[in-house]
C-alpha cells in the first residue's frame, strides 16, 4: 500500500467489514433492503396504510377521532428518538399502547380514566420490558452507529430496571381490574403474567443475542395470558350479574 499502514489499521478495516456484513445479514430479508420493492412503492404502501387507518378512525365516534388524531405527534416523533434520547422504548410504549385508550373510547364513547390510565401505563411498562430485552441484541451495533436505547442506558443494571417496570405493570393491571370490577380469572391471569415475567427476567442473559430474542418472543405468552384472563373475567362478571338480577326480577 502507498501509505504503508500497519497491522492495527488492517484489523480495523476487517472489523468494519465484519460489522457491515452483519448489518447486511440482519436486513437482507426486508423487502426494501432486498430490492423486492422500490422506495416509491414503499411510500405508496405507507400512504395506503395511512389512508386505511384514517378510514377506520373516521368510522368511530367524535371523541375517538380526536383521541386517535392526538397520537400523531407520538407516531411521527418515535422514529427520531434513537438519535435524541436513551429512552426510545418509552416513546414506543406511549405510542404503541394508545390503543388501550382508543379501544375503550370506541366502545363507550369516552374514556373512564380510572380504568384506561392504569391500563395504558401498564402497557407502557410492558413495552419497556420486552423492547429493552430486544435492544440488548443490537447494543454493539447501536454503539458503532451512534444510536441510543434503554439497553445502553441500563447496562448491567438492566434486570433491576426490568423488575421495576414489571412491578409497575402488574400494579397498573390490578388497579385497572379493581376499577372495572374484574373477577377471579382476571387476577389469576395477572398472577400468571407476574410469574412469567419473573422467570423471564431471572433467566435472561443480556450478553447473548439469541437468549434476548428468545425472551423477547416469549412475551407473546404474556399477551395470551392477559387476553384469556380478560375474556374469562368478563364472562364471569356477566354470570355474577345475572345471578344478582334474577332474584330481583322474581320479586
Protein backbone atom coordinates (compact mmCIF):
# COMPACT_ATOMS: atom_id res chain seq x y z
CA UNK A 1 0.00 0.00 0.00
CA UNK A 2 1.20 3.53 -0.79
CA UNK A 3 0.69 4.84 2.76
CA UNK A 4 2.49 1.87 4.39
CA UNK A 5 -0.16 1.20 7.02
CA UNK A 6 0.43 -1.38 9.74
CA UNK A 7 -1.44 -4.37 11.17
CA UNK A 8 -3.78 -2.42 13.53
CA UNK A 9 -5.08 -0.42 10.56
CA UNK A 10 -5.97 -3.54 8.58
CA UNK A 11 -7.51 -5.11 11.69
CA UNK A 12 -9.78 -2.10 11.99
CA UNK A 13 -10.71 -2.36 8.31
CA UNK A 14 -11.55 -6.05 8.83
CA UNK A 15 -13.70 -5.19 11.85
CA UNK A 16 -15.62 -2.57 9.87
CA UNK A 17 -16.13 -5.09 7.08
CA UNK A 18 -17.45 -7.68 9.51
CA UNK A 19 -19.81 -5.12 11.03
CA UNK A 20 -21.14 -4.10 7.60
CA UNK A 21 -21.62 -7.75 6.66
CA UNK A 22 -23.56 -8.29 9.87
CA UNK A 23 -25.74 -5.27 9.14
CA UNK A 24 -26.43 -6.58 5.63
CA UNK A 25 -27.33 -10.02 7.01
CA UNK A 26 -29.76 -8.51 9.52
CA UNK A 27 -31.63 -6.53 6.88
CA UNK A 28 -31.25 -8.87 3.91
CA UNK A 29 -34.77 -10.30 4.21
CA UNK A 30 -36.52 -6.94 4.47
CA UNK A 31 -38.40 -6.13 1.24
CA UNK A 32 -36.94 -2.65 0.76
CA UNK A 33 -33.37 -3.67 1.59
CA UNK A 34 -33.64 -6.82 -0.55
CA UNK A 35 -34.79 -4.80 -3.54
CA UNK A 36 -38.15 -6.56 -3.73
CA UNK A 37 -39.89 -3.18 -3.72
CA UNK A 38 -38.70 0.28 -4.71
CA UNK A 39 -38.62 3.35 -2.47
CA UNK A 40 -41.57 4.78 -4.42
CA UNK A 41 -43.55 1.57 -3.89
CA UNK A 42 -42.81 1.69 -0.17
CA UNK A 43 -44.22 5.23 0.01
CA UNK A 44 -47.31 4.11 -1.91
CA UNK A 45 -47.76 1.25 0.56
CA UNK A 46 -47.31 3.62 3.50
CA UNK A 47 -49.86 6.01 2.02
CA UNK A 48 -52.31 3.15 1.55
CA UNK A 49 -51.88 2.01 5.14
CA UNK A 50 -52.35 5.53 6.50
CA UNK A 51 -55.43 6.03 4.31
CA UNK A 52 -57.00 2.80 5.56
CA UNK A 53 -56.22 3.78 9.15
CA UNK A 54 -57.88 7.16 8.56
CA UNK A 55 -60.97 5.47 7.13
CA UNK A 56 -61.24 3.26 10.21
CA UNK A 57 -60.76 6.25 12.52
CA UNK A 58 -63.45 8.29 10.76
CA UNK A 59 -65.94 5.46 11.35
CA UNK A 60 -65.63 5.97 15.11
CA UNK A 61 -67.33 8.50 17.38
CA UNK A 62 -66.06 12.09 17.52
CA UNK A 63 -64.34 11.60 20.86
CA UNK A 64 -62.33 8.68 19.43
CA UNK A 65 -61.46 10.61 16.26
CA UNK A 66 -59.93 13.40 18.31
CA UNK A 67 -58.22 10.93 20.64
CA UNK A 68 -56.78 8.97 17.71
CA UNK A 69 -55.54 12.14 15.99
CA UNK A 70 -53.81 13.14 19.24
CA UNK A 71 -51.45 10.18 18.86
CA UNK A 72 -49.95 11.51 15.61
CA UNK A 73 -47.27 13.52 17.42
CA UNK A 74 -46.00 10.34 19.07
CA UNK A 75 -46.23 8.37 15.82
CA UNK A 76 -44.18 10.93 13.90
CA UNK A 77 -41.59 11.55 16.63
CA UNK A 78 -40.85 7.94 17.60
CA UNK A 79 -38.54 7.09 14.64
CA UNK A 80 -36.30 10.03 15.61
CA UNK A 81 -35.99 9.15 19.28
CA UNK A 82 -32.99 6.81 18.96
CA UNK A 83 -30.94 9.80 17.85
CA UNK A 84 -32.16 12.04 20.67
CA UNK A 85 -32.64 10.05 23.88
CA UNK A 86 -31.65 6.83 25.63
CA UNK A 87 -35.39 6.26 26.21
CA UNK A 88 -36.82 5.50 22.74
CA UNK A 89 -38.50 2.42 24.23
CA UNK A 90 -40.56 4.73 26.47
CA UNK A 91 -41.76 6.71 23.44
CA UNK A 92 -42.54 3.41 21.68
CA UNK A 93 -44.60 2.35 24.69
CA UNK A 94 -46.52 5.64 24.78
CA UNK A 95 -47.23 5.26 21.04
CA UNK A 96 -47.88 1.54 20.77
CA UNK A 97 -50.29 1.33 23.72
CA UNK A 98 -52.53 4.21 22.64
CA UNK A 99 -54.99 1.52 21.61
CA UNK A 100 -55.77 0.92 25.29
CA UNK A 101 -57.36 4.38 25.30
CA UNK A 102 -58.82 4.33 21.80
CA UNK A 103 -60.35 0.86 22.10
CA UNK A 104 -62.26 1.84 25.23
CA UNK A 105 -63.50 5.15 23.80
CA UNK A 106 -64.55 3.47 20.54
CA UNK A 107 -66.92 1.22 22.52
CA UNK A 108 -68.02 3.55 25.31
CA UNK A 109 -67.83 6.95 23.60
CA UNK A 110 -65.33 8.32 26.13
CA UNK A 111 -62.56 7.14 28.44
CA UNK A 112 -63.06 6.05 32.02
CA UNK A 113 -59.68 7.32 33.16
CA UNK A 114 -59.76 5.32 36.39
CA UNK A 115 -59.55 2.21 34.19
CA UNK A 116 -57.91 3.41 30.99
CA UNK A 117 -54.99 5.30 32.51
CA UNK A 118 -53.62 2.47 34.71
CA UNK A 119 -54.19 0.04 31.81
CA UNK A 120 -52.30 2.37 29.44
CA UNK A 121 -49.43 2.82 31.90
CA UNK A 122 -49.26 -0.96 32.42
CA UNK A 123 -48.90 -1.37 28.66
CA UNK A 124 -46.13 1.23 28.56
CA UNK A 125 -44.26 -0.60 31.32
CA UNK A 126 -44.63 -3.89 29.45
CA UNK A 127 -43.20 -2.31 26.30
CA UNK A 128 -40.22 -1.09 28.29
CA UNK A 129 -39.64 -4.65 29.46
CA UNK A 130 -39.77 -6.50 26.15
CA UNK A 131 -38.23 -3.81 23.96
CA UNK A 132 -35.30 -3.28 26.33
CA UNK A 133 -34.65 -7.02 26.10
CA UNK A 134 -34.89 -6.76 22.31
CA UNK A 135 -32.48 -3.79 22.28
CA UNK A 136 -29.79 -5.83 24.02
CA UNK A 137 -29.46 -7.86 20.80
CA UNK A 138 -28.30 -4.78 18.93
CA UNK A 139 -26.37 -2.87 21.57
CA UNK A 140 -22.93 -3.43 19.99
CA UNK A 141 -24.18 -2.24 16.61
CA UNK A 142 -26.03 0.68 18.21
CA UNK A 143 -22.81 1.89 19.82
CA UNK A 144 -20.97 1.75 16.50
CA UNK A 145 -23.63 3.65 14.54
CA UNK A 146 -24.35 6.12 17.34
CA UNK A 147 -27.97 5.37 18.24
CA UNK A 148 -29.36 5.11 21.77
CA UNK A 149 -31.56 2.70 23.71
CA UNK A 150 -32.56 1.73 27.22
CA UNK A 151 -30.25 -1.28 26.86
CA UNK A 152 -27.28 1.10 26.62
CA UNK A 153 -28.71 3.28 29.39
CA UNK A 154 -29.28 0.46 31.89
CA UNK A 155 -26.25 -1.74 31.01
CA UNK A 156 -25.58 -4.21 33.83
CA UNK A 157 -28.47 -2.82 35.89
CA UNK A 158 -30.97 -3.97 33.25
CA UNK A 159 -32.55 -6.71 35.37
CA UNK A 160 -33.18 -4.29 38.23
CA UNK A 161 -34.92 -1.86 35.88
CA UNK A 162 -36.93 -4.63 34.23
CA UNK A 163 -38.07 -5.83 37.65
CA UNK A 164 -39.26 -2.32 38.48
CA UNK A 165 -41.12 -1.98 35.19
CA UNK A 166 -42.73 -5.40 35.66
CA UNK A 167 -43.89 -4.49 39.17
CA UNK A 168 -45.38 -1.23 37.90
CA UNK A 169 -47.09 -3.15 35.09
CA UNK A 170 -48.71 -5.60 37.50
CA UNK A 171 -49.85 -2.79 39.81
CA UNK A 172 -51.39 -0.98 36.84
CA UNK A 173 -53.24 -4.11 35.73
CA UNK A 174 -54.57 -4.70 39.25
CA UNK A 175 -55.73 -1.09 39.63
CA UNK A 176 -57.46 -1.21 36.23
CA UNK A 177 -59.10 -4.52 37.20
CA UNK A 178 -60.35 -3.20 40.54
CA UNK A 179 -61.79 -0.06 38.95
CA UNK A 180 -63.83 -2.07 36.43
CA UNK A 181 -64.87 -4.79 38.90
CA UNK A 182 -62.87 -7.62 37.37
CA UNK A 183 -63.21 -11.13 38.74
CA UNK A 184 -61.03 -14.04 39.84
CA UNK A 185 -59.99 -15.32 36.35
CA UNK A 186 -58.55 -11.90 35.51
CA UNK A 187 -56.45 -11.70 38.67
CA UNK A 188 -55.31 -15.29 38.16
CA UNK A 189 -54.06 -14.29 34.72
CA UNK A 190 -52.26 -11.27 36.17
CA UNK A 191 -50.58 -13.54 38.72
CA UNK A 192 -49.52 -15.91 35.92
CA UNK A 193 -48.12 -12.94 33.98
CA UNK A 194 -46.12 -11.91 37.04
CA UNK A 195 -44.66 -15.40 37.39
CA UNK A 196 -43.79 -15.49 33.68
CA UNK A 197 -42.05 -12.11 33.80
CA UNK A 198 -40.13 -13.04 36.96
CA UNK A 199 -38.81 -16.20 35.31
CA UNK A 200 -38.06 -14.32 32.10
CA UNK A 201 -36.01 -11.66 33.86
CA UNK A 202 -34.25 -14.07 36.22
CA UNK A 203 -33.03 -16.32 33.39
CA UNK A 204 -32.22 -13.51 30.92
CA UNK A 205 -28.63 -13.31 29.65
CA UNK A 206 -28.26 -9.79 28.26
CA UNK A 207 -24.95 -10.66 26.59
CA UNK A 208 -26.39 -13.45 24.43
CA UNK A 209 -28.43 -12.10 21.49
CA UNK A 210 -30.10 -15.46 20.89
CA UNK A 211 -31.33 -15.58 24.50
CA UNK A 212 -32.56 -11.98 24.27
CA UNK A 213 -34.55 -12.91 21.17
CA UNK A 214 -35.99 -15.96 22.91
CA UNK A 215 -37.06 -13.91 25.93
CA UNK A 216 -38.45 -11.13 23.74
CA UNK A 217 -40.53 -13.62 21.73
CA UNK A 218 -41.83 -15.25 24.90
CA UNK A 219 -43.76 -12.07 25.65
CA UNK A 220 -46.46 -13.32 23.31
CA UNK A 221 -47.31 -15.66 26.21
CA UNK A 222 -47.91 -12.59 28.35
CA UNK A 223 -50.36 -11.29 25.74
CA UNK A 224 -52.19 -14.61 25.52
CA UNK A 225 -52.48 -14.89 29.31
CA UNK A 226 -53.89 -11.38 29.61
CA UNK A 227 -56.31 -11.89 26.73
CA UNK A 228 -57.66 -15.13 28.21
CA UNK A 229 -57.86 -13.56 31.67
CA UNK A 230 -59.83 -10.56 30.40
CA UNK A 231 -62.25 -12.70 28.40
CA UNK A 232 -62.87 -15.19 31.21
CA UNK A 233 -63.03 -12.41 33.78
CA UNK A 234 -65.71 -10.58 31.79
CA UNK A 235 -67.70 -13.78 31.25
CA UNK A 236 -67.57 -14.48 34.97
CA UNK A 237 -68.61 -10.89 35.71
CA UNK A 238 -71.65 -11.24 33.44
CA UNK A 239 -72.60 -14.50 35.08
CA UNK A 240 -72.41 -12.95 38.53
CA UNK A 241 -74.51 -10.03 37.30
CA UNK A 242 -77.21 -12.44 36.07
CA UNK A 243 -77.27 -14.27 39.39
CA UNK A 244 -77.81 -10.98 41.21
CA UNK A 245 -80.53 -9.78 38.80
CA UNK A 246 -82.63 -12.97 38.74
CA UNK A 247 -83.78 -12.82 42.40
CA UNK A 248 -84.63 -9.13 41.96
CA UNK A 249 -86.76 -9.85 38.88
CA UNK A 250 -88.65 -12.67 40.67
CA UNK A 251 -89.87 -10.35 43.42
